[in-house]
C-alpha atoms as a PDB file:
ATOM      1  CA  MET A   1     105.975  86.512  89.905  1.00  0.00           C
ATOM      2  CA  LEU A   2     103.791  85.364  92.802  1.00  0.00           C
ATOM      3  CA  ASP A   3     102.602  82.401  90.737  1.00  0.00           C
ATOM      4  CA  GLN A   4     106.231  81.473  90.051  1.00  0.00           C
ATOM      5  CA  LEU A   5     107.028  81.632  93.784  1.00  0.00           C
ATOM      6  CA  ARG A   6     104.027  79.424  94.569  1.00  0.00           C
ATOM      7  CA  ASP A   7     105.146  76.891  91.960  1.00  0.00           C
ATOM      8  CA  GLU A   8     108.655  76.853  93.451  1.00  0.00           C
ATOM      9  CA  TRP A   9     107.167  76.398  96.927  1.00  0.00           C
ATOM     10  CA  ASN A  10     105.041  73.487  95.780  1.00  0.00           C
ATOM     11  CA  LEU A  11     108.068  71.786  94.235  1.00  0.00           C
ATOM     12  CA  LEU A  12     110.207  72.351  97.325  1.00  0.00           C
ATOM     13  CA  SER A  13     107.442  71.196  99.649  1.00  0.00           C
ATOM     14  CA  GLN A  14     107.383  67.833  97.919  1.00  0.00           C
ATOM     15  CA  GLU A  15     111.069  67.211  98.638  1.00  0.00           C
ATOM     16  CA  ASP A  16     112.004  65.136 101.652  1.00  0.00           C
ATOM     17  CA  ALA A  17     113.886  67.258 104.161  1.00  0.00           C
ATOM     18  CA  ASP A  18     114.403  67.325 107.867  1.00  0.00           C
ATOM     19  CA  GLU A  19     112.451  69.804 109.936  1.00  0.00           C
ATOM     20  CA  SER A  20     115.233  72.418 110.190  1.00  0.00           C
ATOM     21  CA  GLU A  21     115.763  72.421 106.407  1.00  0.00           C
ATOM     22  CA  ALA A  22     112.034  72.744 105.798  1.00  0.00           C
ATOM     23  CA  TYR A  23     111.848  75.618 108.290  1.00  0.00           C
ATOM     24  CA  ALA A  24     114.780  77.450 106.658  1.00  0.00           C
ATOM     25  CA  ARG A  25     113.205  76.964 103.226  1.00  0.00           C
ATOM     26  CA  GLN A  26     109.884  78.294 104.545  1.00  0.00           C
ATOM     27  CA  LYS A  27     111.581  81.426 105.919  1.00  0.00           C
ATOM     28  CA  ARG A  28     113.367  82.083 102.612  1.00  0.00           C
ATOM     29  CA  TYR A  29     110.128  81.648 100.674  1.00  0.00           C
ATOM     30  CA  PHE A  30     108.240  83.991 102.976  1.00  0.00           C
ATOM     31  CA  GLY A  31     111.020  86.587 102.768  1.00  0.00           C
ATOM     32  CA  ARG A  32     110.900  86.605  98.973  1.00  0.00           C
ATOM     33  CA  PHE A  33     107.090  86.679  98.956  1.00  0.00           C
ATOM     34  CA  ASP A  34     106.925  89.511 101.476  1.00  0.00           C
ATOM     35  CA  HIS A  35     109.563  91.510  99.605  1.00  0.00           C
ATOM     36  CA  LEU A  36     107.399  91.379  96.471  1.00  0.00           C
ATOM     37  CA  LEU A  37     104.366  92.541  98.437  1.00  0.00           C
ATOM     38  CA  ASP A  38     106.309  95.405 100.002  1.00  0.00           C
ATOM     39  CA  GLN A  39     107.222  96.787  96.576  1.00  0.00           C
ATOM     40  CA  ALA A  40     103.505  97.473  95.875  1.00  0.00           C
ATOM     41  CA  ASP A  41     104.382  98.879  92.463  1.00  0.00           C
ATOM     42  CA  HIS A  42     101.461  97.115  90.808  1.00  0.00           C
ATOM     43  CA  GLY A  43      98.260  95.454  91.873  1.00  0.00           C
ATOM     44  CA  PRO A  44      95.622  96.729  94.246  1.00  0.00           C
ATOM     45  CA  ILE A  45      96.685  98.768  97.261  1.00  0.00           C
ATOM     46  CA  TRP A  46      93.236  99.174  98.766  1.00  0.00           C
ATOM     47  CA  LEU A  47      94.562  98.996 102.319  1.00  0.00           C
ATOM     48  CA  SER A  48      96.333 102.326 101.779  1.00  0.00           C
ATOM     49  CA  GLU A  49      92.879 103.907 101.980  1.00  0.00           C
ATOM     50  CA  PRO A  50      92.652 104.997 105.658  1.00  0.00           C
ATOM     51  CA  THR A  51      89.008 103.988 106.088  1.00  0.00           C
ATOM     52  CA  VAL A  52      89.713 100.518 104.721  1.00  0.00           C
ATOM     53  CA  ALA A  53      92.802 100.083 106.897  1.00  0.00           C
ATOM     54  CA  GLU A  54      90.762 101.200 109.915  1.00  0.00           C
ATOM     55  CA  ALA A  55      88.052  98.628 109.134  1.00  0.00           C
ATOM     56  CA  VAL A  56      90.715  95.911 109.114  1.00  0.00           C
ATOM     57  CA  ARG A  57      92.197  97.207 112.367  1.00  0.00           C
ATOM     58  CA  GLU A  58      88.771  97.192 114.032  1.00  0.00           C
ATOM     59  CA  ALA A  59      88.155  93.596 112.927  1.00  0.00           C
ATOM     60  CA  LEU A  60      91.534  92.469 114.271  1.00  0.00           C
ATOM     61  CA  HIS A  61      90.729  94.039 117.635  1.00  0.00           C
ATOM     62  CA  TYR A  62      87.203  92.627 117.628  1.00  0.00           C
ATOM     63  CA  TYR A  63      88.579  89.067 117.609  1.00  0.00           C
ATOM     64  CA  ASP A  64      91.086  89.828 120.389  1.00  0.00           C
ATOM     65  CA  ASP A  65      90.085  87.790 123.462  1.00  0.00           C
ATOM     66  CA  ARG A  66      87.325  86.133 121.425  1.00  0.00           C
ATOM     67  CA  ALA A  67      89.272  83.912 119.025  1.00  0.00           C
ATOM     68  CA  TYR A  68      92.880  84.777 119.872  1.00  0.00           C
ATOM     69  CA  ARG A  69      95.122  86.994 121.967  1.00  0.00           C
ATOM     70  CA  LEU A  70      96.386  89.840 119.805  1.00  0.00           C
ATOM     71  CA  ILE A  71     100.087  90.600 120.108  1.00  0.00           C
ATOM     72  CA  CYS A  72     100.793  92.880 117.151  1.00  0.00           C
ATOM     73  CA  TYR A  73      99.890  93.655 113.577  1.00  0.00           C
ATOM     74  CA  CYS A  74     100.803  95.881 110.674  1.00  0.00           C
ATOM     75  CA  VAL A  75      98.359  96.787 107.934  1.00  0.00           C
ATOM     76  CA  MET A  76     100.384  97.476 104.790  1.00  0.00           C
ATOM     77  CA  PRO A  77      98.966  98.918 101.538  1.00  0.00           C
ATOM     78  CA  ASN A  78      98.370  95.448 100.081  1.00  0.00           C
ATOM     79  CA  HIS A  79      98.707  92.913 102.897  1.00  0.00           C
ATOM     80  CA  VAL A  80      98.505  92.442 106.651  1.00  0.00           C
ATOM     81  CA  HIS A  81     100.927  90.952 109.168  1.00  0.00           C
ATOM     82  CA  LEU A  82      99.311  89.578 112.314  1.00  0.00           C
ATOM     83  CA  VAL A  83     100.873  87.971 115.387  1.00  0.00           C
ATOM     84  CA  ILE A  84      98.521  86.222 117.783  1.00  0.00           C
ATOM     85  CA  THR A  85      98.452  83.432 120.313  1.00  0.00           C
ATOM     86  CA  LEU A  86      95.668  80.897 120.234  1.00  0.00           C
ATOM     87  CA  PRO A  87      93.992  79.564 123.366  1.00  0.00           C
ATOM     88  CA  ASP A  88      93.946  75.795 123.811  1.00  0.00           C
ATOM     89  CA  ASP A  89      90.254  75.635 122.922  1.00  0.00           C
ATOM     90  CA  ALA A  90      90.497  77.877 119.858  1.00  0.00           C
ATOM     91  CA  GLN A  91      88.754  77.017 116.640  1.00  0.00           C
ATOM     92  CA  PRO A  92      91.096  76.349 113.707  1.00  0.00           C
ATOM     93  CA  LEU A  93      93.057  79.424 112.679  1.00  0.00           C
ATOM     94  CA  ALA A  94      91.841  79.060 109.089  1.00  0.00           C
ATOM     95  CA  ARG A  95      88.255  79.506 110.248  1.00  0.00           C
ATOM     96  CA  THR A  96      89.074  82.660 112.210  1.00  0.00           C
ATOM     97  CA  LEU A  97      91.010  84.113 109.281  1.00  0.00           C
ATOM     98  CA  GLN A  98      88.114  83.267 106.978  1.00  0.00           C
ATOM     99  CA  SER A  99      85.757  85.192 109.269  1.00  0.00           C
ATOM    100  CA  ILE A 100      88.066  88.204 109.381  1.00  0.00           C
ATOM    101  CA  LYS A 101      88.601  88.174 105.633  1.00  0.00           C
ATOM    102  CA  SER A 102      84.895  87.765 104.885  1.00  0.00           C
ATOM    103  CA  TYR A 103      83.848  90.631 107.157  1.00  0.00           C
ATOM    104  CA  THR A 104      86.628  92.999 106.096  1.00  0.00           C
ATOM    105  CA  ALA A 105      86.156  92.222 102.386  1.00  0.00           C
ATOM    106  CA  ALA A 106      82.470  93.141 102.571  1.00  0.00           C
ATOM    107  CA  LYS A 107      83.225  96.302 104.544  1.00  0.00           C
ATOM    108  CA  ALA A 108      86.133  97.333 102.284  1.00  0.00           C
ATOM    109  CA  ASN A 109      84.167  96.725  99.110  1.00  0.00           C
ATOM    110  CA  LEU A 110      81.376  98.906 100.488  1.00  0.00           C
ATOM    111  CA  LEU A 111      83.837 101.670 101.388  1.00  0.00           C
ATOM    112  CA  LEU A 112      85.543 101.439  97.997  1.00  0.00           C
ATOM    113  CA  HIS A 113      82.272 101.223  96.053  1.00  0.00           C
ATOM    114  CA  ARG A 114      83.348  97.984  94.405  1.00  0.00           C
ATOM    115  CA  THR A 115      82.429  94.302  94.310  1.00  0.00           C
ATOM    116  CA  GLY A 116      84.403  91.122  93.916  1.00  0.00           C
ATOM    117  CA  GLN A 117      87.281  89.393  95.584  1.00  0.00           C
ATOM    118  CA  PHE A 118      89.200  91.570  98.005  1.00  0.00           C
ATOM    119  CA  TRP A 119      91.701  89.222  99.676  1.00  0.00           C
ATOM    120  CA  GLN A 120      93.912  86.582  98.122  1.00  0.00           C
ATOM    121  CA  ARG A 121      92.697  83.102  98.995  1.00  0.00           C
ATOM    122  CA  GLU A 122      95.909  81.964 100.616  1.00  0.00           C
ATOM    123  CA  SER A 123      97.389  83.041 103.907  1.00  0.00           C
ATOM    124  CA  TYR A 124     100.830  82.388 105.247  1.00  0.00           C
ATOM    125  CA  ASP A 125     100.928  81.201 108.821  1.00  0.00           C
ATOM    126  CA  HIS A 126     103.890  80.255 110.922  1.00  0.00           C
ATOM    127  CA  LEU A 127     104.246  78.644 114.314  1.00  0.00           C
ATOM    128  CA  VAL A 128     106.627  80.637 116.516  1.00  0.00           C
ATOM    129  CA  ARG A 129     108.973  78.425 118.491  1.00  0.00           C
ATOM    130  CA  GLY A 130     110.225  80.239 121.551  1.00  0.00           C
ATOM    131  CA  ALA A 131     110.698  83.666 123.066  1.00  0.00           C
ATOM    132  CA  ALA A 132     113.701  84.685 120.953  1.00  0.00           C
ATOM    133  CA  GLU A 133     111.870  83.873 117.741  1.00  0.00           C
ATOM    134  CA  MET A 134     108.786  85.725 118.985  1.00  0.00           C
ATOM    135  CA  GLU A 135     110.916  88.831 119.505  1.00  0.00           C
ATOM    136  CA  ARG A 136     112.268  88.545 115.939  1.00  0.00           C
ATOM    137  CA  VAL A 137     108.781  88.053 114.485  1.00  0.00           C
ATOM    138  CA  ILE A 138     107.342  91.032 116.373  1.00  0.00           C
ATOM    139  CA  SER A 139     110.248  93.198 115.245  1.00  0.00           C
ATOM    140  CA  TYR A 140     109.780  92.018 111.665  1.00  0.00           C
ATOM    141  CA  VAL A 141     106.080  92.875 111.699  1.00  0.00           C
ATOM    142  CA  LEU A 142     106.518  96.280 113.304  1.00  0.00           C
ATOM    143  CA  GLU A 143     109.449  97.232 111.077  1.00  0.00           C
ATOM    144  CA  ASN A 144     107.653  96.211 107.864  1.00  0.00           C
ATOM    145  CA  PRO A 145     106.604  99.748 106.836  1.00  0.00           C
ATOM    146  CA  VAL A 146     110.157 100.966 107.479  1.00  0.00           C
ATOM    147  CA  LYS A 147     111.639  98.162 105.388  1.00  0.00           C
ATOM    148  CA  ALA A 148     109.166  98.990 102.599  1.00  0.00           C
ATOM    149  CA  GLY A 149     110.291 102.636 102.650  1.00  0.00           C
ATOM    150  CA  LEU A 150     106.929 103.999 103.793  1.00  0.00           C
ATOM    151  CA  VAL A 151     108.170 105.629 107.016  1.00  0.00           C
ATOM    152  CA  ASP A 152     111.439 106.105 108.894  1.00  0.00           C
ATOM    153  CA  ASP A 153     110.091 104.861 112.228  1.00  0.00           C
ATOM    154  CA  TRP A 154     107.471 102.121 112.655  1.00  0.00           C
ATOM    155  CA  GLN A 155     105.742 104.115 115.385  1.00  0.00           C
ATOM    156  CA  ILE A 156     104.817 106.755 112.795  1.00  0.00           C
ATOM    157  CA  TRP A 157     102.945 104.219 110.632  1.00  0.00           C
ATOM    158  CA  PRO A 158      99.276 104.674 111.560  1.00  0.00           C
ATOM    159  CA  HIS A 159      98.364 101.028 111.043  1.00  0.00           C
ATOM    160  CA  THR A 160     100.621  99.207 113.465  1.00  0.00           C
ATOM    161  CA  TYR A 161      99.751  97.878 116.878  1.00  0.00           C
ATOM    162  CA  TRP A 162     101.784  96.209 119.589  1.00  0.00           C
ATOM    163  CA  LYS A 163     100.433  95.098 122.918  1.00  0.00           C
ATOM    164  CA  GLU A 164     103.537  95.395 125.060  1.00  0.00           C
ATOM    165  CA  GLU A 165     103.453  93.206 128.119  1.00  0.00           C
END
């Protein structure tokens, strides 16, 4: 199903559209993709292991004020949502994500007594355009375990973080 969604995305991305249409299409695609991940009825759910989730959380905090400013995150059983701001002199986001994924994959594989690929190669990133959208994105991230039926209140989920300011 994920391969089918990627194929659809690639076809849609080739179409000429104005920026607002492209943005709406991107949001729909992400919503469908995220819904599939939230079902977690097949495939690896290594992040549901508390020690693995904690290793990811520690890595996300390690990079706070080094590569980005951490706003919030949610570690789900099979994926992670992360909201950050980048300083003007930040290295490319892809490089930072590669560092996080590399470190956490090695650590998780050690904890799980396994080898091989841990993370999917792709990441979905999105530029937030304004305060109202930032509020919606933060709410979406924090409410993810509730939407997935894992808890009734996001504050109960042990793998969420929000730096309220």
